[in-house]
Amino acid sequence: MILCHESLANMMNTNFSMMHHHKYSLTELGDMIPWERDVYVALLVNHIAEENSKMKQKEQQNKG
């Protein structure tokens, strides 16, 4: 199902990233209802932002 707020290209890129980097299967992604997928994507975005912030802090601590 293609949602009106997400292009097909964006959906495919997001699916690829979730499969490649976070080990979701295409079946798992396809079986999610649209709002459920949106929640998981938002959680992953938050997780990645937190990890990037932690890495940045470690880099600054190692420099100083």
Foldseek 3Di string as FASTA:
>chain_A
DDDPVDDPVRVVVVVVCCCVPVNDDPVNLVPDDVVRNVVVVVVVVVVVVVVVVVVVVVVVVVVD
